[in-house]
């Protein structure tokens, strides 16, 4: 009987071209991984990259917003100081 994984697993089916399948088999044999582990590792890295890109874009937008607000506030301060 299989040990219970800490995460729920779901089976997915997909197709590979024959050429890609042959090439993958060569590298899997050399690496000692199995196809399922290779796909999990690659998909995990891909998802992490997308999540990092999303966070990076949110940080860029926030920086742009605060930069614009800082410029606006600086202009308002200059205007207020000129009145004094």
C-alpha atoms as a PDB file:
ATOM      1  CA  UNK A   1       0.000   0.000   0.000  1.00  0.00           C
ATOM      2  CA  UNK A   2       1.231   3.474  -0.879  1.00  0.00           C
ATOM      3  CA  UNK A   3       2.122   5.908   1.901  1.00  0.00           C
ATOM      4  CA  UNK A   4      -0.159   8.892   2.215  1.00  0.00           C
ATOM      5  CA  UNK A   5       1.379  12.003   0.735  1.00  0.00           C
ATOM      6  CA  UNK A   6       1.237  15.250   2.685  1.00  0.00           C
ATOM      7  CA  UNK A   7      -0.456  16.788  -0.336  1.00  0.00           C
ATOM      8  CA  UNK A   8      -3.383  15.540  -2.345  1.00  0.00           C
ATOM      9  CA  UNK A   9      -2.264  14.211  -5.719  1.00  0.00           C
ATOM     10  CA  UNK A  10      -4.228  14.471  -8.930  1.00  0.00           C
ATOM     11  CA  UNK A  11      -3.605  12.514 -12.081  1.00  0.00           C
ATOM     12  CA  UNK A  12      -3.318  14.456 -15.342  1.00  0.00           C
ATOM     13  CA  UNK A  13      -3.116  13.046 -18.849  1.00  0.00           C
ATOM     14  CA  UNK A  14      -1.353  14.773 -21.711  1.00  0.00           C
ATOM     15  CA  UNK A  15       0.232  14.025 -25.058  1.00  0.00           C
ATOM     16  CA  UNK A  16       3.810  14.417 -26.239  1.00  0.00           C
ATOM     17  CA  UNK A  17       5.048  14.284 -29.780  1.00  0.00           C
ATOM     18  CA  UNK A  18       6.914  11.077 -30.488  1.00  0.00           C
ATOM     19  CA  UNK A  19      10.147  13.022 -31.012  1.00  0.00           C
ATOM     20  CA  UNK A  20       9.849  14.863 -27.691  1.00  0.00           C
ATOM     21  CA  UNK A  21       8.929  11.641 -25.900  1.00  0.00           C
ATOM     22  CA  UNK A  22      12.031   9.903 -27.283  1.00  0.00           C
ATOM     23  CA  UNK A  23      14.273  12.810 -26.305  1.00  0.00           C
ATOM     24  CA  UNK A  24      12.759  13.048 -22.815  1.00  0.00           C
ATOM     25  CA  UNK A  25      13.261   9.310 -22.239  1.00  0.00           C
ATOM     26  CA  UNK A  26      16.978   9.692 -22.972  1.00  0.00           C
ATOM     27  CA  UNK A  27      17.412  12.484 -20.455  1.00  0.00           C
ATOM     28  CA  UNK A  28      15.236  10.844 -17.828  1.00  0.00           C
ATOM     29  CA  UNK A  29      17.338   7.705 -18.040  1.00  0.00           C
ATOM     30  CA  UNK A  30      20.516   9.789 -17.644  1.00  0.00           C
ATOM     31  CA  UNK A  31      19.173  11.829 -14.730  1.00  0.00           C
ATOM     32  CA  UNK A  32      17.623   9.017 -12.739  1.00  0.00           C
ATOM     33  CA  UNK A  33      14.292  10.851 -12.465  1.00  0.00           C
ATOM     34  CA  UNK A  34      10.991   9.430 -13.549  1.00  0.00           C
ATOM     35  CA  UNK A  35       8.664  11.293 -15.907  1.00  0.00           C
ATOM     36  CA  UNK A  36       6.179  12.205 -13.190  1.00  0.00           C
ATOM     37  CA  UNK A  37       8.842  13.740 -10.955  1.00  0.00           C
ATOM     38  CA  UNK A  38      10.380  15.613 -13.883  1.00  0.00           C
ATOM     39  CA  UNK A  39       7.015  17.104 -14.838  1.00  0.00           C
ATOM     40  CA  UNK A  40       6.216  18.024 -11.227  1.00  0.00           C
ATOM     41  CA  UNK A  41       9.609  19.742 -10.851  1.00  0.00           C
ATOM     42  CA  UNK A  42       9.280  21.637 -14.131  1.00  0.00           C
ATOM     43  CA  UNK A  43       5.703  22.715 -13.483  1.00  0.00           C
ATOM     44  CA  UNK A  44       6.576  23.791  -9.964  1.00  0.00           C
ATOM     45  CA  UNK A  45       9.426  25.973 -11.250  1.00  0.00           C
ATOM     46  CA  UNK A  46       7.193  27.396 -13.981  1.00  0.00           C
ATOM     47  CA  UNK A  47       4.442  28.308 -11.497  1.00  0.00           C
ATOM     48  CA  UNK A  48       6.984  29.854  -9.089  1.00  0.00           C
ATOM     49  CA  UNK A  49       8.343  32.014 -11.936  1.00  0.00           C
ATOM     50  CA  UNK A  50       4.821  33.203 -12.853  1.00  0.00           C
ATOM     51  CA  UNK A  51       4.079  33.997  -9.201  1.00  0.00           C
ATOM     52  CA  UNK A  52       7.370  35.899  -8.868  1.00  0.00           C
ATOM     53  CA  UNK A  53       6.613  37.865 -12.060  1.00  0.00           C
ATOM     54  CA  UNK A  54       3.199  38.782 -10.666  1.00  0.00           C
ATOM     55  CA  UNK A  55       4.723  40.026  -7.409  1.00  0.00           C
ATOM     56  CA  UNK A  56       7.453  41.912  -9.283  1.00  0.00           C
ATOM     57  CA  UNK A  57       4.810  43.634 -11.432  1.00  0.00           C
ATOM     58  CA  UNK A  58       2.802  44.587  -8.345  1.00  0.00           C
ATOM     59  CA  UNK A  59       5.940  46.060  -6.752  1.00  0.00           C
ATOM     60  CA  UNK A  60       6.701  48.032  -9.930  1.00  0.00           C
ATOM     61  CA  UNK A  61       3.157  49.428 -10.002  1.00  0.00           C
ATOM     62  CA  UNK A  62       3.339  50.369  -6.319  1.00  0.00           C
ATOM     63  CA  UNK A  63       6.704  52.086  -6.812  1.00  0.00           C
ATOM     64  CA  UNK A  64       5.345  54.033  -9.781  1.00  0.00           C
ATOM     65  CA  UNK A  65       2.291  55.065  -7.760  1.00  0.00           C
ATOM     66  CA  UNK A  66       4.362  56.255  -4.789  1.00  0.00           C
ATOM     67  CA  UNK A  67       6.845  58.018  -7.069  1.00  0.00           C
ATOM     68  CA  UNK A  68       3.994  59.927  -8.711  1.00  0.00           C
ATOM     69  CA  UNK A  69       2.442  60.726  -5.324  1.00  0.00           C
ATOM     70  CA  UNK A  70       5.810  61.922  -4.001  1.00  0.00           C
ATOM     71  CA  UNK A  71       6.246  64.232  -7.010  1.00  0.00           C
ATOM     72  CA  UNK A  72       2.736  65.600  -6.499  1.00  0.00           C
ATOM     73  CA  UNK A  73       3.288  66.164  -2.776  1.00  0.00           C
ATOM     74  CA  UNK A  74       6.672  67.825  -3.418  1.00  0.00           C
ATOM     75  CA  UNK A  75       5.032  70.207  -5.891  1.00  0.00           C
ATOM     76  CA  UNK A  76       2.310  71.017  -3.366  1.00  0.00           C
ATOM     77  CA  UNK A  77       4.912  71.684  -0.651  1.00  0.00           C
ATOM     78  CA  UNK A  78       6.858  73.963  -2.973  1.00  0.00           C
ATOM     79  CA  UNK A  79       3.656  75.833  -3.752  1.00  0.00           C
ATOM     80  CA  UNK A  80       2.761  76.137  -0.060  1.00  0.00           C
ATOM     81  CA  UNK A  81       6.299  77.293   0.841  1.00  0.00           C
ATOM     82  CA  UNK A  82       6.203  79.920  -1.906  1.00  0.00           C
ATOM     83  CA  UNK A  83       3.036  81.375  -0.363  1.00  0.00           C
ATOM     84  CA  UNK A  84       4.694  81.795   3.042  1.00  0.00           C
END
